[in-house]
């Protein structure tokens, strides 16, 4: 009986690592970019999730977005300046795609990697 518990526990841990982490879903960054634009996310968060100095509500989303579970909970239930996007408005698939898009955005270059900015006179 104890070996059955160990096997079951291992399966639960493996499933939670694969599915619970939010990183293993089959989402499309390309479709996510389209959903990001069509749902107006860019208006406050910029086209690359960089946030906005104009709309102080538009927080930075990329690179390195928050964990998917936190992202989903905020998008679905926010009571702040951003309206909540319930599943009837933004499907789970679209939200996963948007997250994949945010994950795909690379970090900007360091000023040290930009010749004009790294020159010393």
PDB file of N, CA and C in Angstrom:
ATOM      1  N   UNK A   1       0.824  -1.193   0.000  1.00  0.00           N
ATOM      2  CA  UNK A   1       0.000   0.000   0.000  1.00  0.00           C
ATOM      3  C   UNK A   1       0.865   1.252   0.000  1.00  0.00           C
ATOM      4  N   UNK A   2       1.962   1.257   0.730  1.00  0.00           N
ATOM      5  CA  UNK A   2       2.808   2.447   0.788  1.00  0.00           C
ATOM      6  C   UNK A   2       3.474   2.722  -0.555  1.00  0.00           C
ATOM      7  N   UNK A   3       3.828   1.666  -1.315  1.00  0.00           N
ATOM      8  CA  UNK A   3       4.421   1.903  -2.625  1.00  0.00           C
ATOM      9  C   UNK A   3       3.401   2.530  -3.577  1.00  0.00           C
ATOM     10  N   UNK A   4       2.130   2.203  -3.390  1.00  0.00           N
ATOM     11  CA  UNK A   4       1.077   2.815  -4.204  1.00  0.00           C
ATOM     12  C   UNK A   4       0.970   4.302  -3.879  1.00  0.00           C
ATOM     13  N   UNK A   5       1.088   4.673  -2.610  1.00  0.00           N
ATOM     14  CA  UNK A   5       1.041   6.078  -2.214  1.00  0.00           C
ATOM     15  C   UNK A   5       2.217   6.856  -2.804  1.00  0.00           C
ATOM     16  N   UNK A   6       3.395   6.237  -2.764  1.00  0.00           N
ATOM     17  CA  UNK A   6       4.583   6.882  -3.315  1.00  0.00           C
ATOM     18  C   UNK A   6       4.403   7.110  -4.812  1.00  0.00           C
ATOM     19  N   UNK A   7       3.892   6.087  -5.507  1.00  0.00           N
ATOM     20  CA  UNK A   7       3.659   6.213  -6.945  1.00  0.00           C
ATOM     21  C   UNK A   7       2.651   7.316  -7.234  1.00  0.00           C
ATOM     22  N   UNK A   8       1.550   7.333  -6.481  1.00  0.00           N
ATOM     23  CA  UNK A   8       0.523   8.346  -6.666  1.00  0.00           C
ATOM     24  C   UNK A   8       1.075   9.730  -6.360  1.00  0.00           C
ATOM     25  N   UNK A   9       1.815   9.860  -5.260  1.00  0.00           N
ATOM     26  CA  UNK A   9       2.409  11.149  -4.898  1.00  0.00           C
ATOM     27  C   UNK A   9       3.372  11.631  -5.973  1.00  0.00           C
ATOM     28  N   UNK A  10       4.156  10.725  -6.522  1.00  0.00           N
ATOM     29  CA  UNK A  10       5.087  11.096  -7.589  1.00  0.00           C
ATOM     30  C   UNK A  10       4.342  11.581  -8.813  1.00  0.00           C
ATOM     31  N   UNK A  11       3.239  10.913  -9.127  1.00  0.00           N
ATOM     32  CA  UNK A  11       2.439  11.321 -10.288  1.00  0.00           C
ATOM     33  C   UNK A  11       1.823  12.696 -10.060  1.00  0.00           C
ATOM     34  N   UNK A  12       1.358  12.962  -8.856  1.00  0.00           N
ATOM     35  CA  UNK A  12       0.765  14.263  -8.542  1.00  0.00           C
ATOM     36  C   UNK A  12       1.824  15.355  -8.629  1.00  0.00           C
ATOM     37  N   UNK A  13       2.997  15.103  -8.087  1.00  0.00           N
ATOM     38  CA  UNK A  13       4.081  16.084  -8.144  1.00  0.00           C
ATOM     39  C   UNK A  13       4.474  16.343  -9.594  1.00  0.00           C
ATOM     40  N   UNK A  14       4.605  15.296 -10.387  1.00  0.00           N
ATOM     41  CA  UNK A  14       4.969  15.463 -11.795  1.00  0.00           C
ATOM     42  C   UNK A  14       3.912  16.264 -12.542  1.00  0.00           C
ATOM     43  N   UNK A  15       2.658  15.938 -12.309  1.00  0.00           N
ATOM     44  CA  UNK A  15       1.571  16.673 -12.979  1.00  0.00           C
ATOM     45  C   UNK A  15       1.557  18.137 -12.562  1.00  0.00           C
ATOM     46  N   UNK A  16       1.798  18.405 -11.283  1.00  0.00           N
ATOM     47  CA  UNK A  16       1.785  19.800 -10.838  1.00  0.00           C
ATOM     48  C   UNK A  16       2.973  20.564 -11.406  1.00  0.00           C
ATOM     49  N   UNK A  17       4.100  19.888 -11.578  1.00  0.00           N
ATOM     50  CA  UNK A  17       5.251  20.554 -12.184  1.00  0.00           C
ATOM     51  C   UNK A  17       4.995  20.856 -13.653  1.00  0.00           C
ATOM     52  N   UNK A  18       4.324  19.930 -14.321  1.00  0.00           N
ATOM     53  CA  UNK A  18       4.061  20.118 -15.743  1.00  0.00           C
ATOM     54  C   UNK A  18       2.927  21.107 -15.967  1.00  0.00           C
ATOM     55  N   UNK A  19       1.811  20.917 -15.285  1.00  0.00           N
ATOM     56  CA  UNK A  19       0.633  21.732 -15.556  1.00  0.00           C
ATOM     57  C   UNK A  19       0.444  22.879 -14.579  1.00  0.00           C
ATOM     58  N   UNK A  20       0.822  22.706 -13.352  1.00  0.00           N
ATOM     59  CA  UNK A  20       0.598  23.729 -12.342  1.00  0.00           C
ATOM     60  C   UNK A  20       1.507  24.931 -12.491  1.00  0.00           C
ATOM     61  N   UNK A  21       2.652  24.750 -13.073  1.00  0.00           N
ATOM     62  CA  UNK A  21       3.587  25.858 -13.208  1.00  0.00           C
ATOM     63  C   UNK A  21       3.163  26.845 -14.283  1.00  0.00           C
ATOM     64  N   UNK A  22       2.235  26.442 -15.129  1.00  0.00           N
ATOM     65  CA  UNK A  22       1.743  27.345 -16.147  1.00  0.00           C
ATOM     66  C   UNK A  22       2.671  27.489 -17.344  1.00  0.00           C
ATOM     67  N   UNK A  23       3.807  26.839 -17.315  1.00  0.00           N
ATOM     68  CA  UNK A  23       4.757  27.003 -18.407  1.00  0.00           C
ATOM     69  C   UNK A  23       4.641  25.890 -19.439  1.00  0.00           C
ATOM     70  N   UNK A  24       3.878  24.859 -19.146  1.00  0.00           N
ATOM     71  CA  UNK A  24       3.857  23.704 -20.024  1.00  0.00           C
ATOM     72  C   UNK A  24       2.654  23.677 -20.957  1.00  0.00           C
ATOM     73  N   UNK A  25       1.823  24.684 -20.925  1.00  0.00           N
ATOM     74  CA  UNK A  25       0.691  24.641 -21.833  1.00  0.00           C
ATOM     75  C   UNK A  25       1.156  24.928 -23.259  1.00  0.00           C
ATOM     76  N   UNK A  26       0.371  24.468 -24.216  1.00  0.00           N
ATOM     77  CA  UNK A  26       0.737  24.642 -25.619  1.00  0.00           C
ATOM     78  C   UNK A  26       0.156  25.959 -26.118  1.00  0.00           C
ATOM     79  N   UNK A  27       0.818  27.044 -25.818  1.00  0.00           N
ATOM     80  CA  UNK A  27       0.335  28.359 -26.191  1.00  0.00           C
ATOM     81  C   UNK A  27       1.171  28.906 -27.338  1.00  0.00           C
ATOM     82  N   UNK A  28       0.606  29.868 -28.047  1.00  0.00           N
ATOM     83  CA  UNK A  28       1.256  30.459 -29.209  1.00  0.00           C
ATOM     84  C   UNK A  28       1.594  31.922 -28.946  1.00  0.00           C
ATOM     85  N   UNK A  29       2.875  32.239 -28.983  1.00  0.00           N
ATOM     86  CA  UNK A  29       3.299  33.630 -28.798  1.00  0.00           C
ATOM     87  C   UNK A  29       2.787  34.505 -29.935  1.00  0.00           C
ATOM     88  N   UNK A  30       2.736  33.948 -31.146  1.00  0.00           N
ATOM     89  CA  UNK A  30       2.241  34.708 -32.298  1.00  0.00           C
ATOM     90  C   UNK A  30       0.761  35.068 -32.112  1.00  0.00           C
ATOM     91  N   UNK A  31      -0.043  34.090 -31.717  1.00  0.00           N
ATOM     92  CA  UNK A  31      -1.462  34.360 -31.461  1.00  0.00           C
ATOM     93  C   UNK A  31      -1.615  35.282 -30.250  1.00  0.00           C
ATOM     94  N   UNK A  32      -0.718  35.133 -29.282  1.00  0.00           N
ATOM     95  CA  UNK A  32      -0.751  35.972 -28.084  1.00  0.00           C
ATOM     96  C   UNK A  32      -0.495  37.427 -28.412  1.00  0.00           C
ATOM     97  N   UNK A  33       0.421  37.686 -29.338  1.00  0.00           N
ATOM     98  CA  UNK A  33       0.689  39.067 -29.741  1.00  0.00           C
ATOM     99  C   UNK A  33      -0.557  39.669 -30.384  1.00  0.00           C
ATOM    100  N   UNK A  34      -1.225  38.885 -31.233  1.00  0.00           N
ATOM    101  CA  UNK A  34      -2.456  39.357 -31.878  1.00  0.00           C
ATOM    102  C   UNK A  34      -3.539  39.627 -30.839  1.00  0.00           C
ATOM    103  N   UNK A  35      -3.679  38.749 -29.847  1.00  0.00           N
ATOM    104  CA  UNK A  35      -4.682  38.934 -28.789  1.00  0.00           C
ATOM    105  C   UNK A  35      -4.321  40.130 -27.912  1.00  0.00           C
ATOM    106  N   UNK A  36      -3.044  40.339 -27.649  1.00  0.00           N
ATOM    107  CA  UNK A  36      -2.557  41.476 -26.863  1.00  0.00           C
ATOM    108  C   UNK A  36      -2.966  42.785 -27.530  1.00  0.00           C
ATOM    109  N   UNK A  37      -2.837  42.808 -28.856  1.00  0.00           N
ATOM    110  CA  UNK A  37      -3.197  44.009 -29.611  1.00  0.00           C
ATOM    111  C   UNK A  37      -4.713  44.148 -29.713  1.00  0.00           C
ATOM    112  N   UNK A  38      -5.410  43.087 -30.100  1.00  0.00           N
ATOM    113  CA  UNK A  38      -6.855  43.179 -30.330  1.00  0.00           C
ATOM    114  C   UNK A  38      -7.648  43.444 -29.059  1.00  0.00           C
ATOM    115  N   UNK A  39      -7.123  43.060 -27.913  1.00  0.00           N
ATOM    116  CA  UNK A  39      -7.810  43.307 -26.644  1.00  0.00           C
ATOM    117  C   UNK A  39      -7.388  44.624 -25.997  1.00  0.00           C
ATOM    118  N   UNK A  40      -6.524  45.368 -26.679  1.00  0.00           N
ATOM    119  CA  UNK A  40      -6.142  46.697 -26.206  1.00  0.00           C
ATOM    120  C   UNK A  40      -5.121  46.719 -25.090  1.00  0.00           C
ATOM    121  N   UNK A  41      -4.478  45.612 -24.802  1.00  0.00           N
ATOM    122  CA  UNK A  41      -3.479  45.561 -23.729  1.00  0.00           C
ATOM    123  C   UNK A  41      -2.348  46.561 -23.984  1.00  0.00           C
ATOM    124  N   UNK A  42      -1.999  46.713 -25.254  1.00  0.00           N
ATOM    125  CA  UNK A  42      -0.901  47.590 -25.659  1.00  0.00           C
ATOM    126  C   UNK A  42      -1.150  49.041 -25.284  1.00  0.00           C
ATOM    127  N   UNK A  43      -2.405  49.432 -25.161  1.00  0.00           N
ATOM    128  CA  UNK A  43      -2.702  50.833 -24.892  1.00  0.00           C
ATOM    129  C   UNK A  43      -2.112  51.318 -23.568  1.00  0.00           C
ATOM    130  N   UNK A  44      -2.048  50.449 -22.594  1.00  0.00           N
ATOM    131  CA  UNK A  44      -1.456  50.817 -21.301  1.00  0.00           C
ATOM    132  C   UNK A  44      -0.090  50.172 -21.076  1.00  0.00           C
ATOM    133  N   UNK A  45       0.116  48.991 -21.657  1.00  0.00           N
ATOM    134  CA  UNK A  45       1.340  48.239 -21.371  1.00  0.00           C
ATOM    135  C   UNK A  45       2.378  48.328 -22.482  1.00  0.00           C
ATOM    136  N   UNK A  46       2.086  49.072 -23.568  1.00  0.00           N
ATOM    137  CA  UNK A  46       3.021  49.171 -24.681  1.00  0.00           C
ATOM    138  C   UNK A  46       3.006  47.912 -25.522  1.00  0.00           C
ATOM    139  N   UNK A  47       3.470  48.005 -26.756  1.00  0.00           N
ATOM    140  CA  UNK A  47       3.437  46.849 -27.659  1.00  0.00           C
ATOM    141  C   UNK A  47       4.352  45.719 -27.209  1.00  0.00           C
ATOM    142  N   UNK A  48       5.374  46.019 -26.444  1.00  0.00           N
ATOM    143  CA  UNK A  48       6.305  44.992 -25.975  1.00  0.00           C
ATOM    144  C   UNK A  48       6.197  44.744 -24.475  1.00  0.00           C
ATOM    145  N   UNK A  49       5.064  45.125 -23.883  1.00  0.00           N
ATOM    146  CA  UNK A  49       4.875  44.901 -22.454  1.00  0.00           C
ATOM    147  C   UNK A  49       5.792  45.738 -21.588  1.00  0.00           C
ATOM    148  N   UNK A  50       6.332  46.840 -22.157  1.00  0.00           N
ATOM    149  CA  UNK A  50       7.321  47.650 -21.451  1.00  0.00           C
ATOM    150  C   UNK A  50       6.705  48.638 -20.474  1.00  0.00           C
ATOM    151  N   UNK A  51       5.370  48.720 -20.431  1.00  0.00           N
ATOM    152  CA  UNK A  51       4.726  49.683 -19.556  1.00  0.00           C
ATOM    153  C   UNK A  51       4.673  51.043 -20.221  1.00  0.00           C
ATOM    154  N   UNK A  52       4.103  52.003 -19.516  1.00  0.00           N
ATOM    155  CA  UNK A  52       3.937  53.327 -20.104  1.00  0.00           C
ATOM    156  C   UNK A  52       4.173  54.404 -19.067  1.00  0.00           C
ATOM    157  N   UNK A  53       4.955  55.389 -19.451  1.00  0.00           N
ATOM    158  CA  UNK A  53       5.170  56.549 -18.578  1.00  0.00           C
ATOM    159  C   UNK A  53       3.965  57.477 -18.633  1.00  0.00           C
ATOM    160  N   UNK A  54       3.219  57.426 -19.744  1.00  0.00           N
ATOM    161  CA  UNK A  54       2.048  58.288 -19.924  1.00  0.00           C
ATOM    162  C   UNK A  54       0.885  57.800 -19.063  1.00  0.00           C
ATOM    163  N   UNK A  55       0.593  56.505 -19.157  1.00  0.00           N
ATOM    164  CA  UNK A  55      -0.465  55.936 -18.325  1.00  0.00           C
ATOM    165  C   UNK A  55       0.214  55.205 -17.170  1.00  0.00           C
ATOM    166  N   UNK A  56       0.321  55.844 -16.060  1.00  0.00           N
ATOM    167  CA  UNK A  56       1.044  55.263 -14.935  1.00  0.00           C
ATOM    168  C   UNK A  56       0.438  53.933 -14.485  1.00  0.00           C
ATOM    169  N   UNK A  57      -0.750  53.626 -14.970  1.00  0.00           N
ATOM    170  CA  UNK A  57      -1.385  52.351 -14.634  1.00  0.00           C
ATOM    171  C   UNK A  57      -0.803  51.198 -15.436  1.00  0.00           C
ATOM    172  N   UNK A  58      -0.183  51.497 -16.565  1.00  0.00           N
ATOM    173  CA  UNK A  58       0.336  50.456 -17.442  1.00  0.00           C
ATOM    174  C   UNK A  58       1.643  49.896 -16.929  1.00  0.00           C
ATOM    175  N   UNK A  59       1.562  48.877 -16.121  1.00  0.00           N
ATOM    176  CA  UNK A  59       2.759  48.284 -15.511  1.00  0.00           C
ATOM    177  C   UNK A  59       3.587  47.507 -16.529  1.00  0.00           C
ATOM    178  N   UNK A  60       4.845  47.322 -16.225  1.00  0.00           N
ATOM    179  CA  UNK A  60       5.754  46.527 -17.049  1.00  0.00           C
ATOM    180  C   UNK A  60       5.348  45.060 -16.925  1.00  0.00           C
ATOM    181  N   UNK A  61       5.176  44.403 -18.065  1.00  0.00           N
ATOM    182  CA  UNK A  61       4.783  42.992 -18.082  1.00  0.00           C
ATOM    183  C   UNK A  61       5.877  42.076 -18.601  1.00  0.00           C
ATOM    184  N   UNK A  62       6.835  42.629 -19.350  1.00  0.00           N
ATOM    185  CA  UNK A  62       7.869  41.808 -19.956  1.00  0.00           C
ATOM    186  C   UNK A  62       9.174  42.596 -19.972  1.00  0.00           C
ATOM    187  N   UNK A  63      10.312  41.980 -20.058  1.00  0.00           N
ATOM    188  CA  UNK A  63      10.499  40.531 -20.070  1.00  0.00           C
ATOM    189  C   UNK A  63      10.317  39.938 -18.675  1.00  0.00           C
ATOM    190  N   UNK A  64      10.366  38.665 -18.596  1.00  0.00           N
ATOM    191  CA  UNK A  64      10.214  37.940 -17.330  1.00  0.00           C
ATOM    192  C   UNK A  64       8.894  38.266 -16.632  1.00  0.00           C
ATOM    193  N   UNK A  65       7.766  37.888 -17.259  1.00  0.00           N
ATOM    194  CA  UNK A  65       6.483  38.159 -16.612  1.00  0.00           C
ATOM    195  C   UNK A  65       6.340  37.403 -15.300  1.00  0.00           C
ATOM    196  N   UNK A  66       5.420  37.887 -14.482  1.00  0.00           N
ATOM    197  CA  UNK A  66       5.117  37.216 -13.211  1.00  0.00           C
ATOM    198  C   UNK A  66       4.671  35.787 -13.498  1.00  0.00           C
ATOM    199  N   UNK A  67       4.646  34.906 -12.493  1.00  0.00           N
ATOM    200  CA  UNK A  67       4.183  33.533 -12.718  1.00  0.00           C
ATOM    201  C   UNK A  67       2.769  33.530 -13.317  1.00  0.00           C
ATOM    202  N   UNK A  68       2.500  32.529 -14.161  1.00  0.00           N
ATOM    203  CA  UNK A  68       1.221  32.487 -14.866  1.00  0.00           C
ATOM    204  C   UNK A  68       0.030  32.540 -13.909  1.00  0.00           C
ATOM    205  N   UNK A  69       0.061  31.797 -12.832  1.00  0.00           N
ATOM    206  CA  UNK A  69      -1.073  31.753 -11.903  1.00  0.00           C
ATOM    207  C   UNK A  69      -1.374  33.148 -11.346  1.00  0.00           C
ATOM    208  N   UNK A  70      -0.348  33.904 -11.027  1.00  0.00           N
ATOM    209  CA  UNK A  70      -0.507  35.268 -10.519  1.00  0.00           C
ATOM    210  C   UNK A  70      -1.064  36.168 -11.610  1.00  0.00           C
ATOM    211  N   UNK A  71      -0.524  36.030 -12.805  1.00  0.00           N
ATOM    212  CA  UNK A  71      -0.978  36.798 -13.962  1.00  0.00           C
ATOM    213  C   UNK A  71      -2.462  36.542 -14.225  1.00  0.00           C
ATOM    214  N   UNK A  72      -2.836  35.280 -14.273  1.00  0.00           N
ATOM    215  CA  UNK A  72      -4.230  34.913 -14.542  1.00  0.00           C
ATOM    216  C   UNK A  72      -5.159  35.451 -13.456  1.00  0.00           C
ATOM    217  N   UNK A  73      -4.777  35.281 -12.200  1.00  0.00           N
ATOM    218  CA  UNK A  73      -5.612  35.762 -11.095  1.00  0.00           C
ATOM    219  C   UNK A  73      -5.797  37.272 -11.169  1.00  0.00           C
ATOM    220  N   UNK A  74      -4.739  37.996 -11.506  1.00  0.00           N
ATOM    221  CA  UNK A  74      -4.851  39.449 -11.589  1.00  0.00           C
ATOM    222  C   UNK A  74      -5.741  39.861 -12.756  1.00  0.00           C
ATOM    223  N   UNK A  75      -5.499  39.289 -13.923  1.00  0.00           N
ATOM    224  CA  UNK A  75      -6.279  39.653 -15.114  1.00  0.00           C
ATOM    225  C   UNK A  75      -7.762  39.345 -14.899  1.00  0.00           C
ATOM    226  N   UNK A  76      -8.055  38.228 -14.271  1.00  0.00           N
ATOM    227  CA  UNK A  76      -9.454  37.810 -14.082  1.00  0.00           C
ATOM    228  C   UNK A  76     -10.156  38.581 -12.961  1.00  0.00           C
ATOM    229  N   UNK A  77      -9.427  38.986 -11.939  1.00  0.00           N
ATOM    230  CA  UNK A  77     -10.102  39.530 -10.769  1.00  0.00           C
ATOM    231  C   UNK A  77      -9.634  40.881 -10.277  1.00  0.00           C
ATOM    232  N   UNK A  78      -8.916  41.624 -11.097  1.00  0.00           N
ATOM    233  CA  UNK A  78      -8.404  42.908 -10.641  1.00  0.00           C
ATOM    234  C   UNK A  78      -9.530  43.870 -10.267  1.00  0.00           C
ATOM    235  N   UNK A  79      -9.263  44.674  -9.264  1.00  0.00           N
ATOM    236  CA  UNK A  79     -10.212  45.726  -8.877  1.00  0.00           C
ATOM    237  C   UNK A  79      -9.493  47.078  -8.898  1.00  0.00           C
ATOM    238  N   UNK A  80      -8.468  47.138  -9.711  1.00  0.00           N
ATOM    239  CA  UNK A  80      -7.677  48.372  -9.828  1.00  0.00           C
ATOM    240  C   UNK A  80      -8.063  49.113 -11.102  1.00  0.00           C
ATOM    241  N   UNK A  81      -7.182  49.926 -11.639  1.00  0.00           N
ATOM    242  CA  UNK A  81      -7.478  50.725 -12.827  1.00  0.00           C
ATOM    243  C   UNK A  81      -7.768  49.854 -14.053  1.00  0.00           C
ATOM    244  N   UNK A  82      -7.146  48.696 -14.125  1.00  0.00           N
ATOM    245  CA  UNK A  82      -7.407  47.786 -15.241  1.00  0.00           C
ATOM    246  C   UNK A  82      -8.706  47.042 -14.984  1.00  0.00           C
ATOM    247  N   UNK A  83      -9.589  46.987 -15.963  1.00  0.00           N
ATOM    248  CA  UNK A  83     -10.825  46.228 -15.758  1.00  0.00           C
ATOM    249  C   UNK A  83     -10.526  44.731 -15.751  1.00  0.00           C
ATOM    250  N   UNK A  84     -11.307  43.948 -15.007  1.00  0.00           N
ATOM    251  CA  UNK A  84     -11.095  42.497 -15.041  1.00  0.00           C
ATOM    252  C   UNK A  84     -11.533  41.929 -16.392  1.00  0.00           C
ATOM    253  N   UNK A  85     -10.782  40.988 -16.883  1.00  0.00           N
ATOM    254  CA  UNK A  85     -11.101  40.303 -18.134  1.00  0.00           C
ATOM    255  C   UNK A  85     -11.541  38.889 -17.791  1.00  0.00           C
ATOM    256  N   UNK A  86     -12.829  38.713 -17.581  1.00  0.00           N
ATOM    257  CA  UNK A  86     -13.394  37.394 -17.287  1.00  0.00           C
ATOM    258  C   UNK A  86     -13.295  36.508 -18.530  1.00  0.00           C
ATOM    259  N   UNK A  87     -13.479  35.200 -18.337  1.00  0.00           N
ATOM    260  CA  UNK A  87     -13.365  34.256 -19.453  1.00  0.00           C
ATOM    261  C   UNK A  87     -14.366  34.521 -20.564  1.00  0.00           C
ATOM    262  N   UNK A  88     -15.499  35.111 -20.245  1.00  0.00           N
ATOM    263  CA  UNK A  88     -16.484  35.444 -21.287  1.00  0.00           C
ATOM    264  C   UNK A  88     -15.951  36.519 -22.229  1.00  0.00           C
ATOM    265  N   UNK A  89     -15.002  37.306 -21.767  1.00  0.00           N
ATOM    266  CA  UNK A  89     -14.418  38.390 -22.575  1.00  0.00           C
ATOM    267  C   UNK A  89     -13.097  37.952 -23.199  1.00  0.00           C
ATOM    268  N   UNK A  90     -12.265  37.282 -22.405  1.00  0.00           N
ATOM    269  CA  UNK A  90     -10.938  36.841 -22.838  1.00  0.00           C
ATOM    270  C   UNK A  90     -10.814  35.361 -22.486  1.00  0.00           C
ATOM    271  N   UNK A  91     -10.806  34.519 -23.501  1.00  0.00           N
ATOM    272  CA  UNK A  91     -10.783  33.071 -23.258  1.00  0.00           C
ATOM    273  C   UNK A  91      -9.492  32.641 -22.570  1.00  0.00           C
ATOM    274  N   UNK A  92      -9.535  31.475 -21.955  1.00  0.00           N
ATOM    275  CA  UNK A  92      -8.353  30.913 -21.296  1.00  0.00           C
ATOM    276  C   UNK A  92      -7.231  30.710 -22.319  1.00  0.00           C
ATOM    277  N   UNK A  93      -7.590  30.245 -23.503  1.00  0.00           N
ATOM    278  CA  UNK A  93      -6.594  30.024 -24.558  1.00  0.00           C
ATOM    279  C   UNK A  93      -5.937  31.351 -24.950  1.00  0.00           C
ATOM    280  N   UNK A  94      -6.757  32.413 -25.132  1.00  0.00           N
ATOM    281  CA  UNK A  94      -6.183  33.717 -25.475  1.00  0.00           C
ATOM    282  C   UNK A  94      -5.278  34.236 -24.367  1.00  0.00           C
ATOM    283  N   UNK A  95      -5.682  34.038 -23.108  1.00  0.00           N
ATOM    284  CA  UNK A  95      -4.859  34.497 -21.994  1.00  0.00           C
ATOM    285  C   UNK A  95      -3.539  33.733 -21.950  1.00  0.00           C
ATOM    286  N   UNK A  96      -3.578  32.426 -22.183  1.00  0.00           N
ATOM    287  CA  UNK A  96      -2.351  31.624 -22.226  1.00  0.00           C
ATOM    288  C   UNK A  96      -1.462  32.073 -23.386  1.00  0.00           C
ATOM    289  N   UNK A  97      -2.081  32.388 -24.520  1.00  0.00           N
ATOM    290  CA  UNK A  97      -1.303  32.882 -25.666  1.00  0.00           C
ATOM    291  C   UNK A  97      -0.660  34.230 -25.358  1.00  0.00           C
ATOM    292  N   UNK A  98      -1.400  35.115 -24.716  1.00  0.00           N
ATOM    293  CA  UNK A  98      -0.838  36.420 -24.331  1.00  0.00           C
ATOM    294  C   UNK A  98       0.353  36.217 -23.401  1.00  0.00           C
ATOM    295  N   UNK A  99       0.211  35.297 -22.454  1.00  0.00           N
ATOM    296  CA  UNK A  99       1.315  35.021 -21.539  1.00  0.00           C
ATOM    297  C   UNK A  99       2.528  34.476 -22.303  1.00  0.00           C
ATOM    298  N   UNK A 100       2.274  33.591 -23.278  1.00  0.00           N
ATOM    299  CA  UNK A 100       3.372  33.057 -24.102  1.00  0.00           C
ATOM    300  C   UNK A 100       4.059  34.185 -24.867  1.00  0.00           C
ATOM    301  N   UNK A 101       3.266  35.141 -25.353  1.00  0.00           N
ATOM    302  CA  UNK A 101       3.844  36.297 -26.035  1.00  0.00           C
ATOM    303  C   UNK A 101       4.733  37.092 -25.085  1.00  0.00           C
ATOM    304  N   UNK A 102       4.241  37.349 -23.885  1.00  0.00           N
ATOM    305  CA  UNK A 102       5.033  38.101 -22.903  1.00  0.00           C
ATOM    306  C   UNK A 102       6.326  37.366 -22.560  1.00  0.00           C
ATOM    307  N   UNK A 103       6.240  36.036 -22.475  1.00  0.00           N
ATOM    308  CA  UNK A 103       7.440  35.244 -22.186  1.00  0.00           C
ATOM    309  C   UNK A 103       8.435  35.300 -23.342  1.00  0.00           C
ATOM    310  N   UNK A 104       7.943  35.499 -24.550  1.00  0.00           N
ATOM    311  CA  UNK A 104       8.813  35.475 -25.727  1.00  0.00           C
ATOM    312  C   UNK A 104       9.572  36.790 -25.945  1.00  0.00           C
ATOM    313  N   UNK A 105       9.185  37.834 -25.242  1.00  0.00           N
ATOM    314  CA  UNK A 105       9.819  39.134 -25.438  1.00  0.00           C
ATOM    315  C   UNK A 105      11.189  39.125 -24.759  1.00  0.00           C
ATOM    316  N   UNK A 106      12.235  39.345 -25.540  1.00  0.00           N
ATOM    317  CA  UNK A 106      13.575  39.309 -24.947  1.00  0.00           C
ATOM    318  C   UNK A 106      13.863  40.566 -24.120  1.00  0.00           C
ATOM    319  N   UNK A 107      14.790  40.429 -23.216  1.00  0.00           N
ATOM    320  CA  UNK A 107      15.233  41.591 -22.437  1.00  0.00           C
ATOM    321  C   UNK A 107      15.974  42.543 -23.375  1.00  0.00           C
ATOM    322  N   UNK A 108      15.881  43.816 -23.079  1.00  0.00           N
ATOM    323  CA  UNK A 108      16.607  44.811 -23.863  1.00  0.00           C
ATOM    324  C   UNK A 108      18.102  44.685 -23.624  1.00  0.00           C
ATOM    325  N   UNK A 109      18.860  45.272 -24.517  1.00  0.00           N
ATOM    326  CA  UNK A 109      20.310  45.243 -24.376  1.00  0.00           C
ATOM    327  C   UNK A 109      20.747  46.113 -23.206  1.00  0.00           C
ATOM    328  N   UNK A 110      21.816  45.728 -22.599  1.00  0.00           N
ATOM    329  CA  UNK A 110      22.447  46.546 -21.574  1.00  0.00           C
ATOM    330  C   UNK A 110      23.102  47.738 -22.267  1.00  0.00           C
ATOM    331  N   UNK A 111      23.168  48.867 -21.601  1.00  0.00           N
ATOM    332  CA  UNK A 111      23.818  50.033 -22.206  1.00  0.00           C
ATOM    333  C   UNK A 111      25.264  49.714 -22.579  1.00  0.00           C
ATOM    334  N   UNK A 112      25.857  48.757 -21.879  1.00  0.00           N
ATOM    335  CA  UNK A 112      27.238  48.380 -22.164  1.00  0.00           C
ATOM    336  C   UNK A 112      27.370  47.709 -23.528  1.00  0.00           C
ATOM    337  N   UNK A 113      26.253  47.139 -24.027  1.00  0.00           N
ATOM    338  CA  UNK A 113      26.267  46.455 -25.320  1.00  0.00           C
ATOM    339  C   UNK A 113      25.921  47.381 -26.487  1.00  0.00           C
ATOM    340  N   UNK A 114      25.655  48.642 -26.200  1.00  0.00           N
ATOM    341  CA  UNK A 114      25.328  49.614 -27.231  1.00  0.00           C
ATOM    342  C   UNK A 114      26.527  50.536 -27.380  1.00  0.00           C
ATOM    343  N   UNK A 115      27.241  50.443 -28.507  1.00  0.00           N
ATOM    344  CA  UNK A 115      28.501  51.170 -28.668  1.00  0.00           C
ATOM    345  C   UNK A 115      28.430  52.652 -28.319  1.00  0.00           C
ATOM    346  N   UNK A 116      27.414  53.333 -28.794  1.00  0.00           N
ATOM    347  CA  UNK A 116      27.337  54.772 -28.560  1.00  0.00           C
ATOM    348  C   UNK A 116      27.206  55.108 -27.076  1.00  0.00           C
ATOM    349  N   UNK A 117      26.530  54.254 -26.330  1.00  0.00           N
ATOM    350  CA  UNK A 117      26.319  54.506 -24.915  1.00  0.00           C
ATOM    351  C   UNK A 117      27.478  54.036 -24.038  1.00  0.00           C
ATOM    352  N   UNK A 118      28.289  53.134 -24.587  1.00  0.00           N
ATOM    353  CA  UNK A 118      29.375  52.581 -23.765  1.00  0.00           C
ATOM    354  C   UNK A 118      30.711  53.242 -24.032  1.00  0.00           C
ATOM    355  N   UNK A 119      30.751  54.238 -24.927  1.00  0.00           N
ATOM    356  CA  UNK A 119      32.015  54.916 -25.225  1.00  0.00           C
ATOM    357  C   UNK A 119      32.414  55.806 -24.052  1.00  0.00           C
ATOM    358  N   UNK A 120      33.679  55.805 -23.769  1.00  0.00           N
ATOM    359  CA  UNK A 120      34.216  56.678 -22.717  1.00  0.00           C
ATOM    360  C   UNK A 120      35.165  57.657 -23.377  1.00  0.00           C
ATOM    361  N   UNK A 121      35.012  58.914 -23.067  1.00  0.00           N
ATOM    362  CA  UNK A 121      35.918  59.921 -23.649  1.00  0.00           C
ATOM    363  C   UNK A 121      36.893  60.409 -22.640  1.00  0.00           C
TER     364      UNK A 121
END
